């Protein structure tokens, strides 16, 4: 079971219930992927609510790897989510909310 106080969420990806968490290492991975921004800049970027499909792949991939899964971004890009594209966005919103605080989505 995911512990939201540690920034963990649960999501169903590819038909499998998985835990995602943006650890410090996962956040560093995202900083590099999004141009070497610092964590505050990273949080501000995501606050806009404008998330591309590639952003979602990178965020979900980093969250899975942070939780210990060995999944590449290519693996994540081939996954399905309940609710289709809206399901992916809900997962990303919930993960970012668990990581950075604030009101969040309800993907579980």
N, C-alpha and C. Protein backbone atom coordinates (compact mmCIF):
# COMPACT_ATOMS: atom_id res chain seq x y z
N UNK A 1 0.83 -1.18 0.00
CA UNK A 1 0.00 0.00 0.00
C UNK A 1 0.87 1.25 0.00
N UNK A 2 0.52 2.20 -0.85
CA UNK A 2 1.29 3.43 -0.97
C UNK A 2 1.14 4.29 0.29
N UNK A 3 2.21 4.96 0.67
CA UNK A 3 2.20 5.86 1.82
C UNK A 3 2.34 7.29 1.30
N UNK A 4 1.23 8.00 1.25
CA UNK A 4 1.22 9.36 0.70
C UNK A 4 2.13 10.30 1.49
N UNK A 5 2.33 10.03 2.78
CA UNK A 5 3.22 10.88 3.58
C UNK A 5 4.67 10.77 3.11
N UNK A 6 4.99 9.71 2.39
CA UNK A 6 6.33 9.55 1.79
C UNK A 6 6.31 9.96 0.33
N UNK A 7 5.18 10.47 -0.15
CA UNK A 7 5.08 10.90 -1.55
C UNK A 7 4.70 9.78 -2.49
N UNK A 8 4.29 8.64 -1.95
CA UNK A 8 3.94 7.49 -2.79
C UNK A 8 2.48 7.56 -3.23
N UNK A 9 2.22 7.06 -4.44
CA UNK A 9 0.86 6.86 -4.91
C UNK A 9 0.77 5.47 -5.52
N UNK A 10 -0.45 5.01 -5.71
CA UNK A 10 -0.68 3.76 -6.44
C UNK A 10 -1.40 4.10 -7.73
N UNK A 11 -1.08 3.37 -8.78
CA UNK A 11 -1.74 3.54 -10.07
C UNK A 11 -1.77 2.20 -10.78
N UNK A 12 -2.76 2.03 -11.63
CA UNK A 12 -2.84 0.83 -12.45
C UNK A 12 -2.31 1.18 -13.83
N UNK A 13 -1.20 0.55 -14.18
CA UNK A 13 -0.55 0.76 -15.48
C UNK A 13 -0.36 -0.59 -16.14
N UNK A 14 -0.81 -0.70 -17.38
CA UNK A 14 -0.69 -1.97 -18.08
C UNK A 14 -1.42 -3.09 -17.37
N UNK A 15 -2.49 -2.75 -16.65
CA UNK A 15 -3.26 -3.75 -15.93
C UNK A 15 -2.67 -4.17 -14.60
N UNK A 16 -1.56 -3.58 -14.20
CA UNK A 16 -0.87 -3.96 -12.96
C UNK A 16 -0.87 -2.79 -11.98
N UNK A 17 -1.26 -3.06 -10.74
CA UNK A 17 -1.22 -2.02 -9.71
C UNK A 17 0.22 -1.81 -9.29
N UNK A 18 0.67 -0.57 -9.37
CA UNK A 18 2.06 -0.24 -9.07
C UNK A 18 2.13 0.96 -8.15
N UNK A 19 3.22 1.03 -7.40
CA UNK A 19 3.51 2.20 -6.57
C UNK A 19 4.46 3.10 -7.34
N UNK A 20 4.24 4.40 -7.26
CA UNK A 20 5.14 5.38 -7.86
C UNK A 20 5.56 6.36 -6.78
N UNK A 21 6.81 6.82 -6.83
CA UNK A 21 7.30 7.83 -5.91
C UNK A 21 8.44 8.59 -6.58
N UNK A 22 8.42 9.90 -6.41
CA UNK A 22 9.51 10.72 -6.94
C UNK A 22 10.52 10.94 -5.82
N UNK A 23 11.48 10.02 -5.74
CA UNK A 23 12.57 10.12 -4.78
C UNK A 23 13.48 11.27 -5.20
N UNK A 24 14.46 11.58 -4.37
CA UNK A 24 15.42 12.62 -4.72
C UNK A 24 16.13 12.28 -6.03
N UNK A 25 16.47 11.00 -6.19
CA UNK A 25 17.12 10.57 -7.43
C UNK A 25 16.20 10.72 -8.63
N UNK A 26 14.91 10.41 -8.45
CA UNK A 26 13.94 10.56 -9.53
C UNK A 26 13.76 12.03 -9.88
N UNK A 27 13.76 12.90 -8.87
CA UNK A 27 13.65 14.34 -9.13
C UNK A 27 14.88 14.85 -9.87
N UNK A 28 16.06 14.35 -9.51
CA UNK A 28 17.29 14.72 -10.22
C UNK A 28 17.21 14.28 -11.68
N UNK A 29 16.65 13.09 -11.89
CA UNK A 29 16.46 12.59 -13.25
C UNK A 29 15.54 13.54 -14.04
N UNK A 30 14.47 14.01 -13.40
CA UNK A 30 13.56 14.93 -14.08
C UNK A 30 14.20 16.29 -14.32
N UNK A 31 15.00 16.77 -13.36
CA UNK A 31 15.72 18.03 -13.57
C UNK A 31 16.56 17.95 -14.84
N UNK A 32 17.28 16.84 -14.98
CA UNK A 32 18.12 16.66 -16.16
C UNK A 32 17.28 16.55 -17.43
N UNK A 33 16.19 15.81 -17.36
CA UNK A 33 15.33 15.61 -18.53
C UNK A 33 14.68 16.91 -18.99
N UNK A 34 14.43 17.81 -18.05
CA UNK A 34 13.76 19.06 -18.38
C UNK A 34 14.71 20.26 -18.39
N UNK A 35 15.97 20.01 -18.71
CA UNK A 35 16.90 21.11 -18.94
C UNK A 35 17.72 21.55 -17.75
N UNK A 36 17.93 20.68 -16.77
CA UNK A 36 18.80 21.02 -15.66
C UNK A 36 18.23 22.05 -14.70
N UNK A 37 16.91 22.21 -14.68
CA UNK A 37 16.29 23.15 -13.75
C UNK A 37 16.44 22.64 -12.32
N UNK A 38 16.37 23.57 -11.35
CA UNK A 38 16.38 23.14 -9.95
C UNK A 38 14.98 22.68 -9.54
N UNK A 39 14.84 22.16 -8.32
CA UNK A 39 13.56 21.59 -7.90
C UNK A 39 12.45 22.64 -7.85
N UNK A 40 12.76 23.86 -7.45
CA UNK A 40 11.75 24.91 -7.41
C UNK A 40 11.26 25.22 -8.82
N UNK A 41 12.17 25.31 -9.76
CA UNK A 41 11.80 25.55 -11.16
C UNK A 41 10.99 24.38 -11.71
N UNK A 42 11.38 23.18 -11.31
CA UNK A 42 10.67 21.99 -11.74
C UNK A 42 9.22 22.02 -11.23
N UNK A 43 9.04 22.33 -9.94
CA UNK A 43 7.70 22.42 -9.36
C UNK A 43 6.89 23.51 -10.07
N UNK A 44 7.52 24.65 -10.33
CA UNK A 44 6.83 25.75 -11.02
C UNK A 44 6.41 25.35 -12.42
N UNK A 45 7.26 24.62 -13.11
CA UNK A 45 6.94 24.15 -14.45
C UNK A 45 5.68 23.29 -14.43
N UNK A 46 5.58 22.39 -13.46
CA UNK A 46 4.45 21.48 -13.41
C UNK A 46 3.19 22.17 -12.90
N UNK A 47 3.33 23.27 -12.14
CA UNK A 47 2.17 24.00 -11.63
C UNK A 47 1.31 24.57 -12.75
N UNK A 48 1.89 24.78 -13.90
CA UNK A 48 1.13 25.37 -15.01
C UNK A 48 0.02 24.45 -15.48
N UNK A 49 0.15 23.16 -15.20
CA UNK A 49 -0.87 22.20 -15.63
C UNK A 49 -0.72 21.79 -17.08
N UNK A 50 0.26 22.32 -17.76
CA UNK A 50 0.49 21.97 -19.17
C UNK A 50 1.52 20.85 -19.22
N UNK A 51 1.02 19.64 -19.43
CA UNK A 51 1.87 18.45 -19.45
C UNK A 51 1.72 17.77 -20.80
N UNK A 52 2.82 17.61 -21.51
CA UNK A 52 2.77 16.91 -22.80
C UNK A 52 2.80 15.40 -22.55
N UNK A 53 2.50 14.64 -23.58
CA UNK A 53 2.57 13.18 -23.47
C UNK A 53 3.98 12.74 -23.10
N UNK A 54 5.00 13.38 -23.69
CA UNK A 54 6.38 13.02 -23.36
C UNK A 54 6.71 13.39 -21.91
N UNK A 55 6.17 14.53 -21.42
CA UNK A 55 6.35 14.88 -20.01
C UNK A 55 5.78 13.78 -19.13
N UNK A 56 4.56 13.32 -19.47
CA UNK A 56 3.89 12.27 -18.68
C UNK A 56 4.73 10.99 -18.67
N UNK A 57 5.27 10.61 -19.82
CA UNK A 57 6.13 9.41 -19.90
C UNK A 57 7.32 9.56 -18.96
N UNK A 58 7.97 10.71 -18.99
CA UNK A 58 9.16 10.93 -18.16
C UNK A 58 8.82 10.95 -16.68
N UNK A 59 7.72 11.60 -16.32
CA UNK A 59 7.33 11.70 -14.91
C UNK A 59 6.91 10.34 -14.38
N UNK A 60 6.07 9.62 -15.13
CA UNK A 60 5.64 8.29 -14.69
C UNK A 60 6.83 7.34 -14.63
N UNK A 61 7.70 7.39 -15.63
CA UNK A 61 8.89 6.55 -15.63
C UNK A 61 9.78 6.81 -14.43
N UNK A 62 10.01 8.08 -14.13
CA UNK A 62 10.83 8.43 -12.96
C UNK A 62 10.17 7.96 -11.68
N UNK A 63 8.84 8.08 -11.61
CA UNK A 63 8.10 7.63 -10.43
C UNK A 63 8.18 6.13 -10.24
N UNK A 64 8.11 5.39 -11.33
CA UNK A 64 8.24 3.92 -11.25
C UNK A 64 9.65 3.54 -10.82
N UNK A 65 10.65 4.14 -11.45
CA UNK A 65 12.04 3.83 -11.09
C UNK A 65 12.33 4.23 -9.65
N UNK A 66 11.74 5.35 -9.19
CA UNK A 66 11.90 5.77 -7.80
C UNK A 66 11.35 4.75 -6.82
N UNK A 67 10.32 4.03 -7.26
CA UNK A 67 9.71 2.99 -6.42
C UNK A 67 10.39 1.64 -6.58
N UNK A 68 11.42 1.57 -7.43
CA UNK A 68 12.20 0.34 -7.56
C UNK A 68 11.90 -0.51 -8.78
N UNK A 69 10.97 -0.09 -9.63
CA UNK A 69 10.69 -0.84 -10.84
C UNK A 69 11.76 -0.54 -11.88
N UNK A 70 12.14 -1.53 -12.63
CA UNK A 70 13.11 -1.34 -13.72
C UNK A 70 12.32 -1.20 -15.02
N UNK A 71 11.82 0.01 -15.26
CA UNK A 71 11.05 0.29 -16.47
C UNK A 71 11.68 1.49 -17.17
N UNK A 72 11.96 1.35 -18.44
CA UNK A 72 12.50 2.46 -19.22
C UNK A 72 11.35 3.37 -19.65
N UNK A 73 11.68 4.57 -20.12
CA UNK A 73 10.66 5.45 -20.65
C UNK A 73 9.96 4.80 -21.85
N UNK A 74 10.71 4.01 -22.62
CA UNK A 74 10.11 3.30 -23.75
C UNK A 74 9.07 2.29 -23.26
N UNK A 75 9.36 1.61 -22.16
CA UNK A 75 8.39 0.68 -21.56
C UNK A 75 7.13 1.45 -21.14
N UNK A 76 7.33 2.58 -20.48
CA UNK A 76 6.20 3.39 -20.01
C UNK A 76 5.36 3.87 -21.18
N UNK A 77 6.01 4.26 -22.27
CA UNK A 77 5.28 4.77 -23.44
C UNK A 77 4.35 3.71 -24.04
N UNK A 78 4.65 2.45 -23.82
CA UNK A 78 3.82 1.36 -24.35
C UNK A 78 2.73 0.92 -23.37
N UNK A 79 2.73 1.45 -22.16
CA UNK A 79 1.76 1.05 -21.15
C UNK A 79 0.39 1.68 -21.43
N UNK A 80 -0.63 1.06 -20.85
CA UNK A 80 -1.97 1.63 -20.90
C UNK A 80 -2.36 2.05 -19.48
N UNK A 81 -3.34 2.94 -19.42
CA UNK A 81 -3.85 3.38 -18.12
C UNK A 81 -5.37 3.37 -18.18
N UNK A 82 -5.98 3.06 -17.04
CA UNK A 82 -7.44 3.14 -16.97
C UNK A 82 -7.85 4.58 -17.27
N UNK A 83 -8.79 4.75 -18.18
CA UNK A 83 -9.22 6.09 -18.54
C UNK A 83 -8.45 6.70 -19.70
N UNK A 84 -7.54 5.94 -20.29
CA UNK A 84 -6.79 6.44 -21.44
C UNK A 84 -5.93 7.64 -21.10
N UNK A 85 -5.90 8.62 -21.99
CA UNK A 85 -5.05 9.81 -21.81
C UNK A 85 -5.41 10.55 -20.53
N UNK A 86 -6.71 10.65 -20.22
CA UNK A 86 -7.12 11.31 -18.98
C UNK A 86 -6.60 10.55 -17.77
N UNK A 87 -6.51 9.24 -17.86
CA UNK A 87 -5.97 8.43 -16.77
C UNK A 87 -4.50 8.72 -16.53
N UNK A 88 -3.74 8.87 -17.61
CA UNK A 88 -2.32 9.21 -17.46
C UNK A 88 -2.16 10.57 -16.79
N UNK A 89 -2.96 11.54 -17.22
CA UNK A 89 -2.86 12.89 -16.65
C UNK A 89 -3.23 12.86 -15.17
N UNK A 90 -4.25 12.06 -14.80
CA UNK A 90 -4.63 11.95 -13.39
C UNK A 90 -3.50 11.34 -12.56
N UNK A 91 -2.80 10.35 -13.12
CA UNK A 91 -1.67 9.73 -12.42
C UNK A 91 -0.57 10.76 -12.21
N UNK A 92 -0.24 11.50 -13.25
CA UNK A 92 0.80 12.53 -13.15
C UNK A 92 0.41 13.59 -12.12
N UNK A 93 -0.84 14.06 -12.18
CA UNK A 93 -1.29 15.09 -11.24
C UNK A 93 -1.23 14.59 -9.80
N UNK A 94 -1.64 13.35 -9.58
CA UNK A 94 -1.62 12.78 -8.23
C UNK A 94 -0.19 12.62 -7.73
N UNK A 95 0.72 12.16 -8.60
CA UNK A 95 2.12 11.98 -8.21
C UNK A 95 2.77 13.31 -7.89
N UNK A 96 2.52 14.32 -8.71
CA UNK A 96 3.10 15.64 -8.46
C UNK A 96 2.53 16.25 -7.18
N UNK A 97 1.24 16.05 -6.95
CA UNK A 97 0.62 16.55 -5.72
C UNK A 97 1.22 15.87 -4.49
N UNK A 98 1.42 14.56 -4.57
CA UNK A 98 2.01 13.83 -3.45
C UNK A 98 3.45 14.27 -3.19
N UNK A 99 4.14 14.66 -4.26
CA UNK A 99 5.55 15.06 -4.15
C UNK A 99 5.71 16.49 -3.67
N UNK A 100 4.96 17.40 -4.30
CA UNK A 100 5.16 18.83 -4.05
C UNK A 100 4.07 19.44 -3.17
N UNK A 101 3.02 18.67 -2.82
CA UNK A 101 1.95 19.18 -1.98
C UNK A 101 0.87 19.86 -2.80
N UNK A 102 -0.14 20.33 -2.13
CA UNK A 102 -1.25 21.00 -2.80
C UNK A 102 -2.37 20.03 -3.09
N UNK A 103 -3.43 20.56 -3.67
CA UNK A 103 -4.58 19.72 -4.06
C UNK A 103 -4.16 18.83 -5.20
N UNK A 104 -4.63 17.60 -5.19
CA UNK A 104 -4.20 16.69 -6.23
C UNK A 104 -5.31 15.86 -6.77
N UNK A 105 -4.97 15.15 -7.84
CA UNK A 105 -5.91 14.26 -8.48
C UNK A 105 -6.15 13.05 -7.62
N UNK A 106 -6.98 12.15 -8.11
CA UNK A 106 -7.34 10.99 -7.31
C UNK A 106 -7.08 9.68 -7.98
N UNK A 107 -6.02 9.56 -8.78
CA UNK A 107 -5.72 8.28 -9.42
C UNK A 107 -5.32 7.29 -8.36
N UNK A 108 -5.85 6.09 -8.44
CA UNK A 108 -5.44 5.08 -7.47
C UNK A 108 -5.40 3.72 -8.04
